[in-house]
């Protein structure tokens, strides 16, 4: 996936991980995160992103986190279809309030933050699933790590959120195998 522009899948991962680590994600953190992903400061005021909107956005991020943690592609696709049926409308191009042209799939300009987030996130994951033929996202396989990741690069399917977690897991696995080998009695 490209780095430029407004990346719904990356925004999804960041918000889902933030809410997983802080279920009552503070407004200031949510505003900073949304700002990093293209939302303008004037769209993130208390009047435009109310406390009710923020609660809905947190709940939506938790719901999407469940899909991101789903390792079975068929089950993930079914869950995405449910979200699209519940929250998406006809695709439309939009260029509002200084943003460049982009695709909206929420049900309209009066959609809540949660509906917008669910519709755009479901579309982003559906696009990735169809481009790669599988769910390229997941929950880190390292012990004691629940970080969600988005793996869209070439090569084997990703299992870890970072090289740090992958290295820790490999070292732990190596140490476990060595300890098992040393614990076996000598064989003739």
C-alpha atoms as a PDB file:
ATOM      1  CA  UNK A   1       0.000   0.000   0.000  1.00  0.00           C
ATOM      2  CA  UNK A   2       1.198   3.475  -0.760  1.00  0.00           C
ATOM      3  CA  UNK A   3       2.351   5.842   1.932  1.00  0.00           C
ATOM      4  CA  UNK A   4       0.881   9.052   0.550  1.00  0.00           C
ATOM      5  CA  UNK A   5      -2.542  10.434   1.260  1.00  0.00           C
ATOM      6  CA  UNK A   6      -5.237   9.277   3.581  1.00  0.00           C
ATOM      7  CA  UNK A   7      -4.750   5.607   4.458  1.00  0.00           C
ATOM      8  CA  UNK A   8      -7.860   4.121   6.045  1.00  0.00           C
ATOM      9  CA  UNK A   9      -6.221   0.777   6.846  1.00  0.00           C
ATOM     10  CA  UNK A  10      -3.297   2.386   8.651  1.00  0.00           C
ATOM     11  CA  UNK A  11      -5.666   4.665  10.556  1.00  0.00           C
ATOM     12  CA  UNK A  12      -7.683   1.585  11.518  1.00  0.00           C
ATOM     13  CA  UNK A  13      -4.641  -0.273  12.857  1.00  0.00           C
ATOM     14  CA  UNK A  14      -3.476   2.742  14.855  1.00  0.00           C
ATOM     15  CA  UNK A  15      -6.882   3.467  16.376  1.00  0.00           C
ATOM     16  CA  UNK A  16      -7.669  -0.198  17.101  1.00  0.00           C
ATOM     17  CA  UNK A  17      -4.311  -0.673  18.854  1.00  0.00           C
ATOM     18  CA  UNK A  18      -4.745   2.570  20.808  1.00  0.00           C
ATOM     19  CA  UNK A  19      -8.211   1.558  22.033  1.00  0.00           C
ATOM     20  CA  UNK A  20      -7.042  -1.973  22.846  1.00  0.00           C
ATOM     21  CA  UNK A  21      -4.329  -0.559  25.092  1.00  0.00           C
ATOM     22  CA  UNK A  22      -6.583   2.188  26.511  1.00  0.00           C
ATOM     23  CA  UNK A  23     -10.293   1.292  26.268  1.00  0.00           C
ATOM     24  CA  UNK A  24     -11.214   4.789  27.476  1.00  0.00           C
ATOM     25  CA  UNK A  25      -8.820   6.416  25.016  1.00  0.00           C
ATOM     26  CA  UNK A  26      -8.508  10.071  26.030  1.00  0.00           C
ATOM     27  CA  UNK A  27      -9.802  12.721  23.649  1.00  0.00           C
ATOM     28  CA  UNK A  28      -6.343  14.263  23.293  1.00  0.00           C
ATOM     29  CA  UNK A  29      -4.852  10.949  22.137  1.00  0.00           C
ATOM     30  CA  UNK A  30      -7.725  10.244  19.742  1.00  0.00           C
ATOM     31  CA  UNK A  31      -7.477  13.755  18.274  1.00  0.00           C
ATOM     32  CA  UNK A  32      -3.698  13.441  17.759  1.00  0.00           C
ATOM     33  CA  UNK A  33      -4.127  10.039  16.131  1.00  0.00           C
ATOM     34  CA  UNK A  34      -6.895  11.187  13.787  1.00  0.00           C
ATOM     35  CA  UNK A  35      -4.891  14.298  12.964  1.00  0.00           C
ATOM     36  CA  UNK A  36      -1.899  12.160  11.939  1.00  0.00           C
ATOM     37  CA  UNK A  37      -4.221  10.366   9.531  1.00  0.00           C
ATOM     38  CA  UNK A  38      -5.525  13.425   7.723  1.00  0.00           C
ATOM     39  CA  UNK A  39      -8.325  14.829   9.847  1.00  0.00           C
ATOM     40  CA  UNK A  40      -8.183  18.589  10.233  1.00  0.00           C
ATOM     41  CA  UNK A  41      -8.009  20.221  13.664  1.00  0.00           C
ATOM     42  CA  UNK A  42     -11.277  22.096  13.056  1.00  0.00           C
ATOM     43  CA  UNK A  43     -13.006  18.736  12.478  1.00  0.00           C
ATOM     44  CA  UNK A  44     -11.743  17.420  15.814  1.00  0.00           C
ATOM     45  CA  UNK A  45     -13.065  20.037  18.228  1.00  0.00           C
ATOM     46  CA  UNK A  46     -15.388  19.219  21.122  1.00  0.00           C
ATOM     47  CA  UNK A  47     -18.290  20.521  19.016  1.00  0.00           C
ATOM     48  CA  UNK A  48     -17.503  18.386  15.944  1.00  0.00           C
ATOM     49  CA  UNK A  49     -16.232  15.285  17.760  1.00  0.00           C
ATOM     50  CA  UNK A  50     -18.491  15.103  20.782  1.00  0.00           C
ATOM     51  CA  UNK A  51     -18.016  12.820  23.773  1.00  0.00           C
ATOM     52  CA  UNK A  52     -20.778  10.623  22.333  1.00  0.00           C
ATOM     53  CA  UNK A  53     -18.949  10.539  18.985  1.00  0.00           C
ATOM     54  CA  UNK A  54     -15.741   9.578  20.751  1.00  0.00           C
ATOM     55  CA  UNK A  55     -17.477   6.722  22.619  1.00  0.00           C
ATOM     56  CA  UNK A  56     -18.925   5.481  19.324  1.00  0.00           C
ATOM     57  CA  UNK A  57     -15.522   5.691  17.661  1.00  0.00           C
ATOM     58  CA  UNK A  58     -13.912   3.712  20.493  1.00  0.00           C
ATOM     59  CA  UNK A  59     -16.613   1.031  20.237  1.00  0.00           C
ATOM     60  CA  UNK A  60     -16.159   0.907  16.459  1.00  0.00           C
ATOM     61  CA  UNK A  61     -12.390   0.499  16.871  1.00  0.00           C
ATOM     62  CA  UNK A  62     -12.946  -2.396  19.295  1.00  0.00           C
ATOM     63  CA  UNK A  63     -15.319  -4.048  16.832  1.00  0.00           C
ATOM     64  CA  UNK A  64     -12.810  -3.659  14.016  1.00  0.00           C
ATOM     65  CA  UNK A  65     -10.106  -5.007  16.325  1.00  0.00           C
ATOM     66  CA  UNK A  66     -12.052  -8.259  16.492  1.00  0.00           C
ATOM     67  CA  UNK A  67     -11.932  -8.530  12.703  1.00  0.00           C
ATOM     68  CA  UNK A  68      -8.241  -7.655  12.661  1.00  0.00           C
ATOM     69  CA  UNK A  69      -7.570 -10.467  15.146  1.00  0.00           C
ATOM     70  CA  UNK A  70      -9.495 -12.978  12.997  1.00  0.00           C
ATOM     71  CA  UNK A  71      -6.984 -15.309  11.350  1.00  0.00           C
ATOM     72  CA  UNK A  72      -9.464 -17.183   9.157  1.00  0.00           C
ATOM     73  CA  UNK A  73      -9.917 -15.337   5.854  1.00  0.00           C
ATOM     74  CA  UNK A  74     -13.437 -16.675   5.236  1.00  0.00           C
ATOM     75  CA  UNK A  75     -14.657 -15.601   8.678  1.00  0.00           C
ATOM     76  CA  UNK A  76     -12.980 -12.193   8.242  1.00  0.00           C
ATOM     77  CA  UNK A  77     -14.671 -11.763   4.852  1.00  0.00           C
ATOM     78  CA  UNK A  78     -18.068 -12.634   6.312  1.00  0.00           C
ATOM     79  CA  UNK A  79     -17.575 -10.138   9.143  1.00  0.00           C
ATOM     80  CA  UNK A  80     -16.552  -7.444   6.652  1.00  0.00           C
ATOM     81  CA  UNK A  81     -19.660  -8.162   4.580  1.00  0.00           C
ATOM     82  CA  UNK A  82     -21.807  -7.693   7.684  1.00  0.00           C
ATOM     83  CA  UNK A  83     -20.160  -4.339   8.414  1.00  0.00           C
ATOM     84  CA  UNK A  84     -20.515  -3.184   4.829  1.00  0.00           C
ATOM     85  CA  UNK A  85     -24.203  -4.151   4.819  1.00  0.00           C
ATOM     86  CA  UNK A  86     -24.798  -2.357   8.137  1.00  0.00           C
ATOM     87  CA  UNK A  87     -22.801   0.828   7.551  1.00  0.00           C
ATOM     88  CA  UNK A  88     -21.859   1.354   3.908  1.00  0.00           C
ATOM     89  CA  UNK A  89     -23.785   3.223   1.274  1.00  0.00           C
ATOM     90  CA  UNK A  90     -23.177   3.724  -2.419  1.00  0.00           C
ATOM     91  CA  UNK A  91     -19.555   4.766  -3.053  1.00  0.00           C
ATOM     92  CA  UNK A  92     -19.135   8.434  -3.854  1.00  0.00           C
ATOM     93  CA  UNK A  93     -16.218  10.736  -4.525  1.00  0.00           C
ATOM     94  CA  UNK A  94     -15.904  13.574  -2.077  1.00  0.00           C
ATOM     95  CA  UNK A  95     -13.654  16.612  -1.864  1.00  0.00           C
ATOM     96  CA  UNK A  96     -14.700  18.547   1.172  1.00  0.00           C
ATOM     97  CA  UNK A  97     -13.153  21.101   3.461  1.00  0.00           C
ATOM     98  CA  UNK A  98      -9.711  21.111   1.890  1.00  0.00           C
ATOM     99  CA  UNK A  99      -9.246  17.356   1.553  1.00  0.00           C
ATOM    100  CA  UNK A 100      -8.238  15.994  -1.866  1.00  0.00           C
ATOM    101  CA  UNK A 101     -10.696  13.824  -3.775  1.00  0.00           C
ATOM    102  CA  UNK A 102     -11.306  10.589  -1.924  1.00  0.00           C
ATOM    103  CA  UNK A 103     -13.849   7.824  -1.751  1.00  0.00           C
ATOM    104  CA  UNK A 104     -16.624   7.820   0.839  1.00  0.00           C
ATOM    105  CA  UNK A 105     -18.717   4.733   1.483  1.00  0.00           C
ATOM    106  CA  UNK A 106     -20.603   5.799   4.591  1.00  0.00           C
ATOM    107  CA  UNK A 107     -24.331   6.392   4.205  1.00  0.00           C
ATOM    108  CA  UNK A 108     -24.035  10.153   3.826  1.00  0.00           C
ATOM    109  CA  UNK A 109     -22.614  13.393   5.093  1.00  0.00           C
ATOM    110  CA  UNK A 110     -24.677  13.080   8.271  1.00  0.00           C
ATOM    111  CA  UNK A 111     -23.128   9.688   9.180  1.00  0.00           C
ATOM    112  CA  UNK A 112     -21.683   9.484  12.682  1.00  0.00           C
ATOM    113  CA  UNK A 113     -17.960   9.188  13.296  1.00  0.00           C
ATOM    114  CA  UNK A 114     -18.474   5.509  14.170  1.00  0.00           C
ATOM    115  CA  UNK A 115     -20.435   4.789  10.982  1.00  0.00           C
ATOM    116  CA  UNK A 116     -17.841   6.597   8.887  1.00  0.00           C
ATOM    117  CA  UNK A 117     -15.020   4.697  10.597  1.00  0.00           C
ATOM    118  CA  UNK A 118     -16.701   1.293  10.278  1.00  0.00           C
ATOM    119  CA  UNK A 119     -17.629   1.786   6.616  1.00  0.00           C
ATOM    120  CA  UNK A 120     -14.247   3.154   5.523  1.00  0.00           C
ATOM    121  CA  UNK A 121     -12.296   0.599   7.570  1.00  0.00           C
ATOM    122  CA  UNK A 122     -14.361  -2.324   6.266  1.00  0.00           C
ATOM    123  CA  UNK A 123     -13.831  -1.121   2.701  1.00  0.00           C
ATOM    124  CA  UNK A 124     -10.072  -0.763   3.282  1.00  0.00           C
ATOM    125  CA  UNK A 125      -9.784  -4.312   4.645  1.00  0.00           C
ATOM    126  CA  UNK A 126     -12.051  -5.689   1.896  1.00  0.00           C
ATOM    127  CA  UNK A 127      -9.798  -4.082  -0.691  1.00  0.00           C
ATOM    128  CA  UNK A 128      -6.681  -5.576   0.905  1.00  0.00           C
ATOM    129  CA  UNK A 129      -8.310  -9.015   1.177  1.00  0.00           C
ATOM    130  CA  UNK A 130      -9.290  -9.000  -2.502  1.00  0.00           C
ATOM    131  CA  UNK A 131      -5.889  -7.716  -3.651  1.00  0.00           C
ATOM    132  CA  UNK A 132      -3.961 -10.338  -1.681  1.00  0.00           C
ATOM    133  CA  UNK A 133      -6.492 -13.169  -1.676  1.00  0.00           C
ATOM    134  CA  UNK A 134      -6.263 -13.515   2.082  1.00  0.00           C
ATOM    135  CA  UNK A 135      -6.444 -11.566   5.315  1.00  0.00           C
ATOM    136  CA  UNK A 136      -2.996 -10.006   5.584  1.00  0.00           C
ATOM    137  CA  UNK A 137      -3.641  -8.587   9.013  1.00  0.00           C
ATOM    138  CA  UNK A 138      -3.596 -10.166  12.422  1.00  0.00           C
ATOM    139  CA  UNK A 139      -2.659 -10.143  16.054  1.00  0.00           C
ATOM    140  CA  UNK A 140       1.014 -10.551  16.932  1.00  0.00           C
ATOM    141  CA  UNK A 141       1.933 -14.199  17.605  1.00  0.00           C
ATOM    142  CA  UNK A 142       4.568 -13.261  20.188  1.00  0.00           C
ATOM    143  CA  UNK A 143       3.875 -14.211  23.787  1.00  0.00           C
ATOM    144  CA  UNK A 144       2.455 -11.317  25.815  1.00  0.00           C
ATOM    145  CA  UNK A 145       1.831  -9.127  22.754  1.00  0.00           C
ATOM    146  CA  UNK A 146      -1.648  -8.339  21.447  1.00  0.00           C
ATOM    147  CA  UNK A 147      -0.627  -5.680  18.957  1.00  0.00           C
ATOM    148  CA  UNK A 148      -2.558  -5.729  15.693  1.00  0.00           C
ATOM    149  CA  UNK A 149      -0.619  -5.410  12.455  1.00  0.00           C
ATOM    150  CA  UNK A 150      -1.238  -4.917   8.766  1.00  0.00           C
ATOM    151  CA  UNK A 151       0.980  -7.027   6.525  1.00  0.00           C
ATOM    152  CA  UNK A 152       0.674  -6.112   2.874  1.00  0.00           C
ATOM    153  CA  UNK A 153       4.233  -6.662   1.729  1.00  0.00           C
ATOM    154  CA  UNK A 154       5.631  -9.464  -0.380  1.00  0.00           C
ATOM    155  CA  UNK A 155       6.779 -12.769   1.031  1.00  0.00           C
ATOM    156  CA  UNK A 156       5.390 -15.128   3.605  1.00  0.00           C
ATOM    157  CA  UNK A 157       2.344 -14.176   5.640  1.00  0.00           C
ATOM    158  CA  UNK A 158       3.286 -11.993   8.560  1.00  0.00           C
ATOM    159  CA  UNK A 159       2.903 -13.318  12.130  1.00  0.00           C
ATOM    160  CA  UNK A 160       4.445 -10.595  14.265  1.00  0.00           C
ATOM    161  CA  UNK A 161       3.803  -6.891  14.729  1.00  0.00           C
ATOM    162  CA  UNK A 162       7.496  -5.993  14.566  1.00  0.00           C
ATOM    163  CA  UNK A 163      10.964  -7.390  14.018  1.00  0.00           C
ATOM    164  CA  UNK A 164      11.497  -7.033  17.773  1.00  0.00           C
ATOM    165  CA  UNK A 165       8.628  -9.430  18.560  1.00  0.00           C
ATOM    166  CA  UNK A 166       9.729 -11.816  15.789  1.00  0.00           C
ATOM    167  CA  UNK A 167      13.288 -11.887  17.177  1.00  0.00           C
ATOM    168  CA  UNK A 168      12.096 -12.421  20.742  1.00  0.00           C
ATOM    169  CA  UNK A 169       9.897 -15.317  19.627  1.00  0.00           C
ATOM    170  CA  UNK A 170      12.744 -16.941  17.657  1.00  0.00           C
ATOM    171  CA  UNK A 171      15.144 -16.620  20.596  1.00  0.00           C
ATOM    172  CA  UNK A 172      12.551 -18.038  23.028  1.00  0.00           C
ATOM    173  CA  UNK A 173      11.855 -20.946  20.657  1.00  0.00           C
ATOM    174  CA  UNK A 174      15.605 -21.636  20.280  1.00  0.00           C
ATOM    175  CA  UNK A 175      16.121 -21.596  24.052  1.00  0.00           C
ATOM    176  CA  UNK A 176      13.131 -23.897  24.575  1.00  0.00           C
ATOM    177  CA  UNK A 177      14.436 -26.439  22.028  1.00  0.00           C
ATOM    178  CA  UNK A 178      17.933 -26.304  23.535  1.00  0.00           C
ATOM    179  CA  UNK A 179      16.563 -26.847  27.054  1.00  0.00           C
ATOM    180  CA  UNK A 180      14.476 -29.797  25.822  1.00  0.00           C
ATOM    181  CA  UNK A 181      17.524 -31.316  24.103  1.00  0.00           C
ATOM    182  CA  UNK A 182      19.620 -30.932  27.235  1.00  0.00           C
ATOM    183  CA  UNK A 183      16.885 -32.481  29.377  1.00  0.00           C
ATOM    184  CA  UNK A 184      16.725 -35.657  27.268  1.00  0.00           C
ATOM    185  CA  UNK A 185      18.742 -38.526  28.724  1.00  0.00           C
ATOM    186  CA  UNK A 186      21.735 -39.614  26.690  1.00  0.00           C
ATOM    187  CA  UNK A 187      20.739 -42.195  24.128  1.00  0.00           C
ATOM    188  CA  UNK A 188      23.098 -44.984  23.051  1.00  0.00           C
END
